[in-house]
Amino acid sequence: MFYCVYILQSLKDKKFYTGYTKNIKLRFEQHQKGLVESTKDRQPLKLIYFECCLNQQDATRREKYLKTYYGKKFIKSRLKSYFTG
């Protein structure tokens, strides 16, 4: 089983949300339906990035990193075409 770290972008305020889950399809549907407290008022949302880890510890560590200054720089570099396109 994989644990996926994902980043959503709110099309309402253009801000990002980073999380992790065992079931990315189900979790994204929960976000879209307004069932997640932290994103329910930021609809609509777009899944812009995800990566998978083999265990929960690595996924939580990666999630924490992506929320840091350097993690955000990594995402902006990784998704350069997305942000300039």
PDB file of N, CA and C in Angstrom:
ATOM      1  N   MET A   1       0.836  -1.182   0.000  1.00  0.00           N
ATOM      2  CA  MET A   1       0.000   0.000   0.000  1.00  0.00           C
ATOM      3  C   MET A   1       0.882   1.247   0.000  1.00  0.00           C
ATOM      4  N   PHE A   2       0.452   2.231  -0.743  1.00  0.00           N
ATOM      5  CA  PHE A   2       1.184   3.497  -0.826  1.00  0.00           C
ATOM      6  C   PHE A   2       0.486   4.580  -0.019  1.00  0.00           C
ATOM      7  N   TYR A   3       1.258   5.542   0.400  1.00  0.00           N
ATOM      8  CA  TYR A   3       0.739   6.754   1.031  1.00  0.00           C
ATOM      9  C   TYR A   3       1.124   7.901   0.113  1.00  0.00           C
ATOM     10  N   CYS A   4       0.146   8.667  -0.313  1.00  0.00           N
ATOM     11  CA  CYS A   4       0.408   9.754  -1.259  1.00  0.00           C
ATOM     12  C   CYS A   4       0.390  11.100  -0.567  1.00  0.00           C
ATOM     13  N   VAL A   5       1.394  11.893  -0.859  1.00  0.00           N
ATOM     14  CA  VAL A   5       1.455  13.292  -0.436  1.00  0.00           C
ATOM     15  C   VAL A   5       0.928  14.085  -1.624  1.00  0.00           C
ATOM     16  N   TYR A   6       0.045  15.038  -1.364  1.00  0.00           N
ATOM     17  CA  TYR A   6      -0.578  15.754  -2.468  1.00  0.00           C
ATOM     18  C   TYR A   6      -0.667  17.245  -2.172  1.00  0.00           C
ATOM     19  N   ILE A   7      -0.777  18.013  -3.248  1.00  0.00           N
ATOM     20  CA  ILE A   7      -0.944  19.461  -3.129  1.00  0.00           C
ATOM     21  C   ILE A   7      -2.148  19.867  -3.961  1.00  0.00           C
ATOM     22  N   LEU A   8      -3.036  20.593  -3.316  1.00  0.00           N
ATOM     23  CA  LEU A   8      -4.213  21.147  -3.982  1.00  0.00           C
ATOM     24  C   LEU A   8      -4.020  22.644  -4.103  1.00  0.00           C
ATOM     25  N   GLN A   9      -4.582  23.215  -5.139  1.00  0.00           N
ATOM     26  CA  GLN A   9      -4.599  24.671  -5.273  1.00  0.00           C
ATOM     27  C   GLN A   9      -6.057  25.112  -5.311  1.00  0.00           C
ATOM     28  N   SER A  10      -6.361  26.088  -4.492  1.00  0.00           N
ATOM     29  CA  SER A  10      -7.696  26.658  -4.493  1.00  0.00           C
ATOM     30  C   SER A  10      -7.808  27.598  -5.691  1.00  0.00           C
ATOM     31  N   LEU A  11      -8.820  27.401  -6.512  1.00  0.00           N
ATOM     32  CA  LEU A  11      -9.041  28.300  -7.640  1.00  0.00           C
ATOM     33  C   LEU A  11      -9.737  29.576  -7.177  1.00  0.00           C
ATOM     34  N   LYS A  12     -10.205  29.569  -5.938  1.00  0.00           N
ATOM     35  CA  LYS A  12     -10.859  30.737  -5.347  1.00  0.00           C
ATOM     36  C   LYS A  12      -9.820  31.756  -4.851  1.00  0.00           C
ATOM     37  N   ASP A  13      -8.854  31.287  -4.053  1.00  0.00           N
ATOM     38  CA  ASP A  13      -7.869  32.220  -3.481  1.00  0.00           C
ATOM     39  C   ASP A  13      -6.432  31.951  -3.951  1.00  0.00           C
ATOM     40  N   LYS A  14      -6.253  30.954  -4.837  1.00  0.00           N
ATOM     41  CA  LYS A  14      -4.949  30.596  -5.428  1.00  0.00           C
ATOM     42  C   LYS A  14      -3.953  30.022  -4.420  1.00  0.00           C
ATOM     43  N   LYS A  15      -4.359  29.801  -3.176  1.00  0.00           N
ATOM     44  CA  LYS A  15      -3.468  29.253  -2.155  1.00  0.00           C
ATOM     45  C   LYS A  15      -3.421  27.734  -2.255  1.00  0.00           C
ATOM     46  N   PHE A  16      -2.433  27.159  -1.554  1.00  0.00           N
ATOM     47  CA  PHE A  16      -2.177  25.729  -1.628  1.00  0.00           C
ATOM     48  C   PHE A  16      -2.547  25.021  -0.330  1.00  0.00           C
ATOM     49  N   TYR A  17      -2.864  23.748  -0.458  1.00  0.00           N
ATOM     50  CA  TYR A  17      -3.108  22.874   0.677  1.00  0.00           C
ATOM     51  C   TYR A  17      -2.287  21.614   0.441  1.00  0.00           C
ATOM     52  N   THR A  18      -1.520  21.207   1.438  1.00  0.00           N
ATOM     53  CA  THR A  18      -0.694  20.000   1.331  1.00  0.00           C
ATOM     54  C   THR A  18      -1.174  18.991   2.363  1.00  0.00           C
ATOM     55  N   GLY A  19      -1.315  17.746   1.939  1.00  0.00           N
ATOM     56  CA  GLY A  19      -1.738  16.686   2.845  1.00  0.00           C
ATOM     57  C   GLY A  19      -1.217  15.347   2.380  1.00  0.00           C
ATOM     58  N   TYR A  20      -1.593  14.300   3.102  1.00  0.00           N
ATOM     59  CA  TYR A  20      -1.236  12.949   2.677  1.00  0.00           C
ATOM     60  C   TYR A  20      -2.402  12.019   2.963  1.00  0.00           C
ATOM     61  N   THR A  21      -2.444  10.899   2.258  1.00  0.00           N
ATOM     62  CA  THR A  21      -3.552   9.965   2.373  1.00  0.00           C
ATOM     63  C   THR A  21      -3.170   8.591   1.848  1.00  0.00           C
ATOM     64  N   LYS A  22      -3.941   7.580   2.242  1.00  0.00           N
ATOM     65  CA  LYS A  22      -3.768   6.228   1.690  1.00  0.00           C
ATOM     66  C   LYS A  22      -4.555   6.075   0.388  1.00  0.00           C
ATOM     67  N   ASN A  23      -5.590   6.902   0.210  1.00  0.00           N
ATOM     68  CA  ASN A  23      -6.462   6.777  -0.957  1.00  0.00           C
ATOM     69  C   ASN A  23      -6.659   8.166  -1.573  1.00  0.00           C
ATOM     70  N   ILE A  24      -5.838   8.509  -2.529  1.00  0.00           N
ATOM     71  CA  ILE A  24      -5.849   9.870  -3.075  1.00  0.00           C
ATOM     72  C   ILE A  24      -7.146  10.189  -3.816  1.00  0.00           C
ATOM     73  N   LYS A  25      -7.696   9.216  -4.503  1.00  0.00           N
ATOM     74  CA  LYS A  25      -8.945   9.454  -5.230  1.00  0.00           C
ATOM     75  C   LYS A  25     -10.073   9.800  -4.266  1.00  0.00           C
ATOM     76  N   LEU A  26     -10.231   9.000  -3.210  1.00  0.00           N
ATOM     77  CA  LEU A  26     -11.271   9.246  -2.208  1.00  0.00           C
ATOM     78  C   LEU A  26     -11.037  10.571  -1.492  1.00  0.00           C
ATOM     79  N   ARG A  27      -9.796  10.832  -1.121  1.00  0.00           N
ATOM     80  CA  ARG A  27      -9.491  12.068  -0.382  1.00  0.00           C
ATOM     81  C   ARG A  27      -9.775  13.305  -1.227  1.00  0.00           C
ATOM     82  N   PHE A  28      -9.431  13.264  -2.509  1.00  0.00           N
ATOM     83  CA  PHE A  28      -9.714  14.401  -3.387  1.00  0.00           C
ATOM     84  C   PHE A  28     -11.218  14.607  -3.508  1.00  0.00           C
ATOM     85  N   GLU A  29     -11.975  13.519  -3.614  1.00  0.00           N
ATOM     86  CA  GLU A  29     -13.438  13.638  -3.662  1.00  0.00           C
ATOM     87  C   GLU A  29     -13.975  14.277  -2.387  1.00  0.00           C
ATOM     88  N   GLN A  30     -13.409  13.916  -1.237  1.00  0.00           N
ATOM     89  CA  GLN A  30     -13.830  14.525   0.029  1.00  0.00           C
ATOM     90  C   GLN A  30     -13.557  16.025   0.028  1.00  0.00           C
ATOM     91  N   HIS A  31     -12.394  16.413  -0.474  1.00  0.00           N
ATOM     92  CA  HIS A  31     -12.073  17.839  -0.579  1.00  0.00           C
ATOM     93  C   HIS A  31     -13.080  18.533  -1.503  1.00  0.00           C
ATOM     94  N   GLN A  32     -13.346  17.931  -2.655  1.00  0.00           N
ATOM     95  CA  GLN A  32     -14.245  18.537  -3.652  1.00  0.00           C
ATOM     96  C   GLN A  32     -15.671  18.703  -3.121  1.00  0.00           C
ATOM     97  N   LYS A  33     -16.096  17.777  -2.269  1.00  0.00           N
ATOM     98  CA  LYS A  33     -17.461  17.817  -1.726  1.00  0.00           C
ATOM     99  C   LYS A  33     -17.574  18.709  -0.494  1.00  0.00           C
ATOM    100  N   GLY A  34     -16.470  19.323  -0.077  1.00  0.00           N
ATOM    101  CA  GLY A  34     -16.498  20.202   1.083  1.00  0.00           C
ATOM    102  C   GLY A  34     -16.507  19.467   2.410  1.00  0.00           C
ATOM    103  N   LEU A  35     -16.044  18.222   2.433  1.00  0.00           N
ATOM    104  CA  LEU A  35     -16.059  17.409   3.645  1.00  0.00           C
ATOM    105  C   LEU A  35     -14.792  17.561   4.485  1.00  0.00           C
ATOM    106  N   VAL A  36     -13.827  18.328   4.002  1.00  0.00           N
ATOM    107  CA  VAL A  36     -12.577  18.545   4.732  1.00  0.00           C
ATOM    108  C   VAL A  36     -12.599  19.972   5.268  1.00  0.00           C
ATOM    109  N   GLU A  37     -12.560  20.085   6.582  1.00  0.00           N
ATOM    110  CA  GLU A  37     -12.713  21.380   7.259  1.00  0.00           C
ATOM    111  C   GLU A  37     -11.776  22.463   6.716  1.00  0.00           C
ATOM    112  N   SER A  38     -10.510  22.116   6.519  1.00  0.00           N
ATOM    113  CA  SER A  38      -9.522  23.127   6.135  1.00  0.00           C
ATOM    114  C   SER A  38      -9.666  23.634   4.700  1.00  0.00           C
ATOM    115  N   THR A  39     -10.402  22.936   3.857  1.00  0.00           N
ATOM    116  CA  THR A  39     -10.554  23.395   2.473  1.00  0.00           C
ATOM    117  C   THR A  39     -12.001  23.630   2.051  1.00  0.00           C
ATOM    118  N   LYS A  40     -12.955  23.418   2.948  1.00  0.00           N
ATOM    119  CA  LYS A  40     -14.365  23.476   2.536  1.00  0.00           C
ATOM    120  C   LYS A  40     -14.791  24.851   2.028  1.00  0.00           C
ATOM    121  N   ASP A  41     -14.161  25.917   2.522  1.00  0.00           N
ATOM    122  CA  ASP A  41     -14.524  27.265   2.081  1.00  0.00           C
ATOM    123  C   ASP A  41     -13.616  27.778   0.966  1.00  0.00           C
ATOM    124  N   ARG A  42     -12.829  26.895   0.387  1.00  0.00           N
ATOM    125  CA  ARG A  42     -11.861  27.318  -0.637  1.00  0.00           C
ATOM    126  C   ARG A  42     -12.130  26.657  -1.985  1.00  0.00           C
ATOM    127  N   GLN A  43     -13.352  26.222  -2.206  1.00  0.00           N
ATOM    128  CA  GLN A  43     -13.753  25.560  -3.454  1.00  0.00           C
ATOM    129  C   GLN A  43     -13.765  26.559  -4.607  1.00  0.00           C
ATOM    130  N   PRO A  44     -13.525  26.121  -5.819  1.00  0.00           N
ATOM    131  CA  PRO A  44     -13.129  24.767  -6.222  1.00  0.00           C
ATOM    132  C   PRO A  44     -11.630  24.555  -6.034  1.00  0.00           C
ATOM    133  N   LEU A  45     -11.260  23.288  -5.987  1.00  0.00           N
ATOM    134  CA  LEU A  45      -9.871  22.896  -5.778  1.00  0.00           C
ATOM    135  C   LEU A  45      -9.364  22.100  -6.970  1.00  0.00           C
ATOM    136  N   LYS A  46      -8.071  22.208  -7.195  1.00  0.00           N
ATOM    137  CA  LYS A  46      -7.435  21.486  -8.296  1.00  0.00           C
ATOM    138  C   LYS A  46      -6.252  20.711  -7.725  1.00  0.00           C
ATOM    139  N   LEU A  47      -6.154  19.431  -8.065  1.00  0.00           N
ATOM    140  CA  LEU A  47      -5.006  18.630  -7.668  1.00  0.00           C
ATOM    141  C   LEU A  47      -3.863  18.974  -8.615  1.00  0.00           C
ATOM    142  N   ILE A  48      -2.787  19.554  -8.066  1.00  0.00           N
ATOM    143  CA  ILE A  48      -1.702  19.988  -8.943  1.00  0.00           C
ATOM    144  C   ILE A  48      -0.446  19.131  -8.816  1.00  0.00           C
ATOM    145  N   TYR A  49      -0.353  18.308  -7.740  1.00  0.00           N
ATOM    146  CA  TYR A  49       0.861  17.517  -7.556  1.00  0.00           C
ATOM    147  C   TYR A  49       0.592  16.392  -6.568  1.00  0.00           C
ATOM    148  N   PHE A  50       1.206  15.243  -6.806  1.00  0.00           N
ATOM    149  CA  PHE A  50       1.231  14.189  -5.798  1.00  0.00           C
ATOM    150  C   PHE A  50       2.437  13.295  -6.026  1.00  0.00           C
ATOM    151  N   GLU A  51       2.872  12.684  -4.956  1.00  0.00           N
ATOM    152  CA  GLU A  51       3.938  11.690  -5.013  1.00  0.00           C
ATOM    153  C   GLU A  51       3.625  10.654  -3.947  1.00  0.00           C
ATOM    154  N   CYS A  52       4.060   9.429  -4.182  1.00  0.00           N
ATOM    155  CA  CYS A  52       3.717   8.336  -3.277  1.00  0.00           C
ATOM    156  C   CYS A  52       4.941   7.795  -2.557  1.00  0.00           C
ATOM    157  N   CYS A  53       4.703   7.367  -1.323  1.00  0.00           N
ATOM    158  CA  CYS A  53       5.738   6.784  -0.477  1.00  0.00           C
ATOM    159  C   CYS A  53       5.312   5.375  -0.077  1.00  0.00           C
ATOM    160  N   LEU A  54       6.269   4.557   0.305  1.00  0.00           N
ATOM    161  CA  LEU A  54       5.974   3.176   0.678  1.00  0.00           C
ATOM    162  C   LEU A  54       5.417   3.030   2.088  1.00  0.00           C
ATOM    163  N   ASN A  55       5.638   4.024   2.948  1.00  0.00           N
ATOM    164  CA  ASN A  55       5.080   3.929   4.301  1.00  0.00           C
ATOM    165  C   ASN A  55       4.639   5.284   4.814  1.00  0.00           C
ATOM    166  N   GLN A  56       3.847   5.249   5.864  1.00  0.00           N
ATOM    167  CA  GLN A  56       3.248   6.460   6.409  1.00  0.00           C
ATOM    168  C   GLN A  56       4.290   7.428   6.969  1.00  0.00           C
ATOM    169  N   GLN A  57       5.318   6.898   7.614  1.00  0.00           N
ATOM    170  CA  GLN A  57       6.347   7.769   8.199  1.00  0.00           C
ATOM    171  C   GLN A  57       7.042   8.614   7.133  1.00  0.00           C
ATOM    172  N   ASP A  58       7.383   7.996   6.006  1.00  0.00           N
ATOM    173  CA  ASP A  58       8.022   8.751   4.925  1.00  0.00           C
ATOM    174  C   ASP A  58       7.062   9.791   4.349  1.00  0.00           C
ATOM    175  N   ALA A  59       5.788   9.429   4.239  1.00  0.00           N
ATOM    176  CA  ALA A  59       4.797  10.371   3.700  1.00  0.00           C
ATOM    177  C   ALA A  59       4.616  11.569   4.623  1.00  0.00           C
ATOM    178  N   THR A  60       4.534  11.345   5.929  1.00  0.00           N
ATOM    179  CA  THR A  60       4.356  12.474   6.845  1.00  0.00           C
ATOM    180  C   THR A  60       5.596  13.358   6.875  1.00  0.00           C
ATOM    181  N   ARG A  61       6.768  12.723   6.781  1.00  0.00           N
ATOM    182  CA  ARG A  61       8.017  13.491   6.726  1.00  0.00           C
ATOM    183  C   ARG A  61       8.058  14.349   5.463  1.00  0.00           C
ATOM    184  N   ARG A  62       7.630  13.781   4.346  1.00  0.00           N
ATOM    185  CA  ARG A  62       7.628  14.507   3.068  1.00  0.00           C
ATOM    186  C   ARG A  62       6.599  15.636   3.096  1.00  0.00           C
ATOM    187  N   GLU A  63       5.431  15.368   3.668  1.00  0.00           N
ATOM    188  CA  GLU A  63       4.401  16.408   3.796  1.00  0.00           C
ATOM    189  C   GLU A  63       4.943  17.600   4.592  1.00  0.00           C
ATOM    190  N   LYS A  64       5.579  17.319   5.711  1.00  0.00           N
ATOM    191  CA  LYS A  64       6.151  18.398   6.541  1.00  0.00           C
ATOM    192  C   LYS A  64       7.201  19.185   5.761  1.00  0.00           C
ATOM    193  N   TYR A  65       8.051  18.477   5.001  1.00  0.00           N
ATOM    194  CA  TYR A  65       9.070  19.159   4.208  1.00  0.00           C
ATOM    195  C   TYR A  65       8.434  20.063   3.155  1.00  0.00           C
ATOM    196  N   LEU A  66       7.427  19.564   2.458  1.00  0.00           N
ATOM    197  CA  LEU A  66       6.809  20.359   1.390  1.00  0.00           C
ATOM    198  C   LEU A  66       6.107  21.605   1.915  1.00  0.00           C
ATOM    199  N   LYS A  67       5.835  21.643   3.202  1.00  0.00           N
ATOM    200  CA  LYS A  67       5.208  22.820   3.811  1.00  0.00           C
ATOM    201  C   LYS A  67       6.238  23.869   4.235  1.00  0.00           C
ATOM    202  N   THR A  68       7.529  23.522   4.172  1.00  0.00           N
ATOM    203  CA  THR A  68       8.578  24.460   4.555  1.00  0.00           C
ATOM    204  C   THR A  68       8.918  25.389   3.390  1.00  0.00           C
ATOM    205  N   TYR A  69       9.711  26.389   3.670  1.00  0.00           N
ATOM    206  CA  TYR A  69      10.183  27.318   2.647  1.00  0.00           C
ATOM    207  C   TYR A  69      10.886  26.558   1.515  1.00  0.00           C
ATOM    208  N   TYR A  70      11.788  25.638   1.880  1.00  0.00           N
ATOM    209  CA  TYR A  70      12.534  24.893   0.862  1.00  0.00           C
ATOM    210  C   TYR A  70      11.633  23.927   0.103  1.00  0.00           C
ATOM    211  N   GLY A  71      10.665  23.362   0.778  1.00  0.00           N
ATOM    212  CA  GLY A  71       9.713  22.484   0.111  1.00  0.00           C
ATOM    213  C   GLY A  71       8.874  23.239  -0.905  1.00  0.00           C
ATOM    214  N   LYS A  72       8.460  24.436  -0.549  1.00  0.00           N
ATOM    215  CA  LYS A  72       7.678  25.264  -1.478  1.00  0.00           C
ATOM    216  C   LYS A  72       8.521  25.671  -2.682  1.00  0.00           C
ATOM    217  N   LYS A  73       9.798  25.946  -2.440  1.00  0.00           N
ATOM    218  CA  LYS A  73      10.704  26.250  -3.555  1.00  0.00           C
ATOM    219  C   LYS A  73      10.852  25.038  -4.474  1.00  0.00           C
ATOM    220  N   PHE A  74      10.949  23.845  -3.884  1.00  0.00           N
ATOM    221  CA  PHE A  74      11.047  22.612  -4.665  1.00  0.00           C
ATOM    222  C   PHE A  74       9.827  22.461  -5.571  1.00  0.00           C
ATOM    223  N   ILE A  75       8.641  22.665  -5.023  1.00  0.00           N
ATOM    224  CA  ILE A  75       7.402  22.521  -5.804  1.00  0.00           C
ATOM    225  C   ILE A  75       7.361  23.554  -6.927  1.00  0.00           C
ATOM    226  N   LYS A  76       7.721  24.785  -6.634  1.00  0.00           N
ATOM    227  CA  LYS A  76       7.708  25.819  -7.676  1.00  0.00           C
ATOM    228  C   LYS A  76       8.688  25.485  -8.793  1.00  0.00           C
ATOM    229  N   SER A  77       9.821  24.899  -8.438  1.00  0.00           N
ATOM    230  CA  SER A  77      10.799  24.489  -9.444  1.00  0.00           C
ATOM    231  C   SER A  77      10.292  23.267 -10.214  1.00  0.00           C
ATOM    232  N   ARG A  78       9.722  22.311  -9.494  1.00  0.00           N
ATOM    233  CA  ARG A  78       9.219  21.068 -10.102  1.00  0.00           C
ATOM    234  C   ARG A  78       8.069  21.341 -11.057  1.00  0.00           C
ATOM    235  N   LEU A  79       7.231  22.316 -10.715  1.00  0.00           N
ATOM    236  CA  LEU A  79       6.049  22.642 -11.516  1.00  0.00           C
ATOM    237  C   LEU A  79       6.220  23.955 -12.272  1.00  0.00           C
ATOM    238  N   LYS A  80       7.445  24.226 -12.659  1.00  0.00           N
ATOM    239  CA  LYS A  80       7.761  25.489 -13.327  1.00  0.00           C
ATOM    240  C   LYS A  80       6.846  25.773 -14.516  1.00  0.00           C
ATOM    241  N   SER A  81       6.607  24.781 -15.346  1.00  0.00           N
ATOM    242  CA  SER A  81       5.730  24.978 -16.517  1.00  0.00           C
ATOM    243  C   SER A  81       4.301  25.276 -16.095  1.00  0.00           C
ATOM    244  N   TYR A  82       3.839  24.636 -15.014  1.00  0.00           N
ATOM    245  CA  TYR A  82       2.486  24.875 -14.530  1.00  0.00           C
ATOM    246  C   TYR A  82       2.324  26.339 -14.091  1.00  0.00           C
ATOM    247  N   PHE A  83       3.312  26.837 -13.338  1.00  0.00           N
ATOM    248  CA  PHE A  83       3.209  28.185 -12.794  1.00  0.00           C
ATOM    249  C   PHE A  83       3.443  29.271 -13.845  1.00  0.00           C
ATOM    250  N   THR A  84       4.167  28.966 -14.913  1.00  0.00           N
ATOM    251  CA  THR A  84       4.416  29.984 -15.938  1.00  0.00           C
ATOM    252  C   THR A  84       3.478  29.832 -17.133  1.00  0.00           C
ATOM    253  N   GLY A  85       2.755  28.722 -17.168  1.00  0.00           N
ATOM    254  CA  GLY A  85       1.896  28.430 -18.321  1.00  0.00           C
ATOM    255  C   GLY A  85       0.590  29.061 -18.303  1.00  0.00           C
TER     256      GLY A  85
END
